[in-house]
Amino acid sequence: MSSNPAVRFRDIGARLLIIAVLSGCQYRARDFVEVPENQFKTRGAQSRAFATTDREKMLRSIIATLQDVGFIVDHADHALGSVGGTKLDHYALKMTVTVLPRGTTQLLVRASARYNVTPVLDPDPYQKFFAALSRAMSLEAQQAD
């Protein structure tokens, strides 16, 4: 260790700065990991499992449902299992719906909506969408009989 007080002070200052930076990162990481309680409720409203493995039929039903509830379909990507649309009614509501396999007998459908860049946390739009999608899937099943 140097006997020069200026060098010693600089070394101590550098060490304190490193500790402060690392401590700040620790708090940010902890804040990032902690999920607010209402986000779990929102996630529950955003997802539904359907007892089918027919991804193509599900994607067609999602497109039809989005149109039925007033959305204009902006994109549909079969390979990704994603459909997105915009609803213009005094505001711009965007919704993206993805389809993922869940086990061997189900598909998981997850919807994510936002007003401009603000995520929609209210479960009501999701509940309305999934109610309409469930009716559409039920009607298709009856038509197949």
Protein backbone atom coordinates (compact mmCIF):
# COMPACT_ATOMS: atom_id res chain seq x y z
CA MET A 1 0.00 0.00 0.00
CA SER A 2 1.30 3.45 -0.87
CA SER A 3 2.28 5.92 1.83
CA ASN A 4 1.10 8.82 -0.30
CA PRO A 5 -2.23 10.04 1.22
CA ALA A 6 -3.58 11.18 -2.17
CA VAL A 7 -3.07 7.70 -3.69
CA ARG A 8 -4.56 6.05 -0.61
CA PHE A 9 -7.62 8.32 -0.73
CA ARG A 10 -8.05 7.58 -4.45
CA ASP A 11 -7.88 3.79 -3.82
CA ILE A 12 -10.43 4.03 -1.01
CA GLY A 13 -12.68 6.23 -3.17
CA ALA A 14 -12.49 3.75 -6.05
CA ARG A 15 -13.36 0.86 -3.75
CA LEU A 16 -16.32 2.76 -2.29
CA LEU A 17 -17.52 3.60 -5.80
CA ILE A 18 -17.37 -0.07 -6.82
CA ILE A 19 -19.27 -1.12 -3.69
CA ALA A 20 -21.92 1.57 -4.32
CA VAL A 21 -22.35 0.49 -7.96
CA LEU A 22 -22.62 -3.18 -7.06
CA SER A 23 -25.07 -2.40 -4.26
CA GLY A 24 -27.22 -0.43 -6.69
CA CYS A 25 -27.24 -3.35 -9.12
CA GLN A 26 -28.31 -5.64 -6.29
CA TYR A 27 -31.34 -3.50 -5.50
CA ARG A 28 -32.33 -3.23 -9.15
CA ALA A 29 -32.01 -6.98 -9.64
CA ARG A 30 -34.12 -7.62 -6.55
CA ASP A 31 -36.76 -5.13 -7.74
CA PHE A 32 -36.79 -6.81 -11.14
CA VAL A 33 -37.37 -10.27 -9.66
CA GLU A 34 -40.19 -9.20 -7.34
CA VAL A 35 -43.48 -9.43 -9.23
CA PRO A 36 -46.42 -7.33 -8.03
CA GLU A 37 -49.46 -9.33 -6.89
CA ASN A 38 -51.74 -7.75 -9.52
CA GLN A 39 -49.42 -9.01 -12.28
CA PHE A 40 -50.20 -12.62 -11.29
CA LYS A 41 -53.91 -11.84 -11.57
CA THR A 42 -53.34 -10.23 -14.97
CA ARG A 43 -51.37 -13.26 -16.18
CA GLY A 44 -54.24 -15.49 -15.12
CA ALA A 45 -56.68 -13.38 -17.11
CA GLN A 46 -54.37 -13.38 -20.15
CA SER A 47 -54.07 -17.16 -20.54
CA ARG A 48 -56.44 -20.02 -21.23
CA ALA A 49 -55.83 -23.70 -21.95
CA PHE A 50 -57.99 -25.39 -24.58
CA ALA A 51 -58.50 -29.13 -24.89
CA THR A 52 -57.33 -29.36 -28.49
CA THR A 53 -54.07 -29.84 -30.33
CA ASP A 54 -55.34 -28.44 -33.65
CA ARG A 55 -53.17 -25.34 -33.85
CA GLU A 56 -54.38 -24.37 -37.33
CA LYS A 57 -58.02 -24.41 -36.21
CA MET A 58 -57.13 -22.41 -33.10
CA LEU A 59 -55.32 -19.74 -35.13
CA ARG A 60 -58.30 -19.45 -37.52
CA SER A 61 -60.64 -19.12 -34.54
CA ILE A 62 -58.44 -16.44 -32.98
CA ILE A 63 -58.45 -14.42 -36.22
CA ALA A 64 -62.24 -14.72 -36.51
CA THR A 65 -62.73 -13.85 -32.83
CA LEU A 66 -60.53 -10.77 -33.02
CA GLN A 67 -62.55 -9.60 -36.02
CA ASP A 68 -65.84 -10.39 -34.28
CA VAL A 69 -64.95 -8.23 -31.28
CA GLY A 70 -63.93 -5.28 -33.46
CA PHE A 71 -60.23 -5.73 -34.14
CA ILE A 72 -58.54 -5.30 -37.49
CA VAL A 73 -55.99 -8.11 -37.88
CA ASP A 74 -52.57 -6.54 -38.47
CA HIS A 75 -50.49 -9.70 -38.66
CA ALA A 76 -50.78 -13.45 -38.48
CA ASP A 77 -47.73 -15.70 -38.36
CA HIS A 78 -48.52 -19.40 -38.46
CA ALA A 79 -44.91 -20.45 -37.82
CA LEU A 80 -44.78 -18.41 -34.59
CA GLY A 81 -48.39 -19.11 -33.66
CA SER A 82 -49.04 -15.38 -33.27
CA VAL A 83 -51.90 -13.11 -34.34
CA GLY A 84 -52.15 -9.39 -33.68
CA GLY A 85 -54.80 -6.79 -34.20
CA THR A 86 -55.80 -3.21 -33.50
CA LYS A 87 -59.16 -1.91 -32.31
CA LEU A 88 -59.95 1.76 -32.90
CA ASP A 89 -62.77 2.98 -30.68
CA HIS A 90 -61.88 6.38 -29.20
CA TYR A 91 -58.49 4.80 -28.49
CA ALA A 92 -55.99 2.43 -30.08
CA LEU A 93 -56.04 -0.95 -28.37
CA LYS A 94 -53.54 -3.48 -29.67
CA MET A 95 -53.76 -7.16 -28.84
CA THR A 96 -51.33 -9.94 -29.64
CA VAL A 97 -52.42 -13.54 -29.17
CA THR A 98 -50.02 -16.47 -29.17
CA VAL A 99 -50.69 -20.20 -29.25
CA LEU A 100 -48.33 -22.67 -27.60
CA PRO A 101 -48.58 -26.42 -27.01
CA ARG A 102 -49.34 -27.38 -23.43
CA GLY A 103 -48.59 -30.99 -22.83
CA THR A 104 -49.82 -33.47 -25.41
CA THR A 105 -53.55 -32.73 -25.29
CA GLN A 106 -53.89 -28.95 -24.94
CA LEU A 107 -53.01 -25.61 -26.45
CA LEU A 108 -52.25 -22.58 -24.32
CA VAL A 109 -53.57 -19.30 -25.70
CA ARG A 110 -52.09 -16.11 -24.26
CA ALA A 111 -53.35 -12.64 -25.08
CA SER A 112 -51.46 -9.44 -24.38
CA ALA A 113 -53.13 -6.06 -24.84
CA ARG A 114 -51.87 -2.51 -24.61
CA TYR A 115 -53.08 1.04 -25.10
CA ASN A 116 -50.26 2.68 -27.04
CA VAL A 117 -47.30 1.53 -24.90
CA THR A 118 -49.23 0.97 -21.65
CA PRO A 119 -50.02 -2.69 -20.85
CA VAL A 120 -53.66 -3.47 -20.11
CA LEU A 121 -53.88 -4.80 -16.56
CA ASP A 122 -57.68 -4.82 -16.32
CA PRO A 123 -58.89 -8.42 -16.79
CA ASP A 124 -62.15 -7.35 -18.52
CA PRO A 125 -60.84 -7.13 -22.14
CA TYR A 126 -59.15 -10.51 -21.75
CA GLN A 127 -62.26 -12.12 -20.27
CA LYS A 128 -64.38 -10.79 -23.16
CA PHE A 129 -61.90 -12.05 -25.72
CA PHE A 130 -61.64 -15.52 -24.19
CA ALA A 131 -65.41 -15.80 -23.78
CA ALA A 132 -65.83 -15.04 -27.49
CA LEU A 133 -63.00 -17.43 -28.42
CA SER A 134 -64.55 -20.23 -26.32
CA ARG A 135 -67.90 -19.69 -28.07
CA ALA A 136 -66.17 -19.77 -31.47
CA MET A 137 -64.34 -23.00 -30.64
CA SER A 138 -67.58 -24.52 -29.35
CA LEU A 139 -69.47 -23.53 -32.51
CA GLU A 140 -66.76 -25.02 -34.71
CA ALA A 141 -66.89 -28.26 -32.73
CA GLN A 142 -70.69 -28.42 -33.20
CA GLN A 143 -70.41 -27.71 -36.94
CA ALA A 144 -67.98 -30.61 -37.30
CA ASP A 145 -70.60 -33.04 -35.93
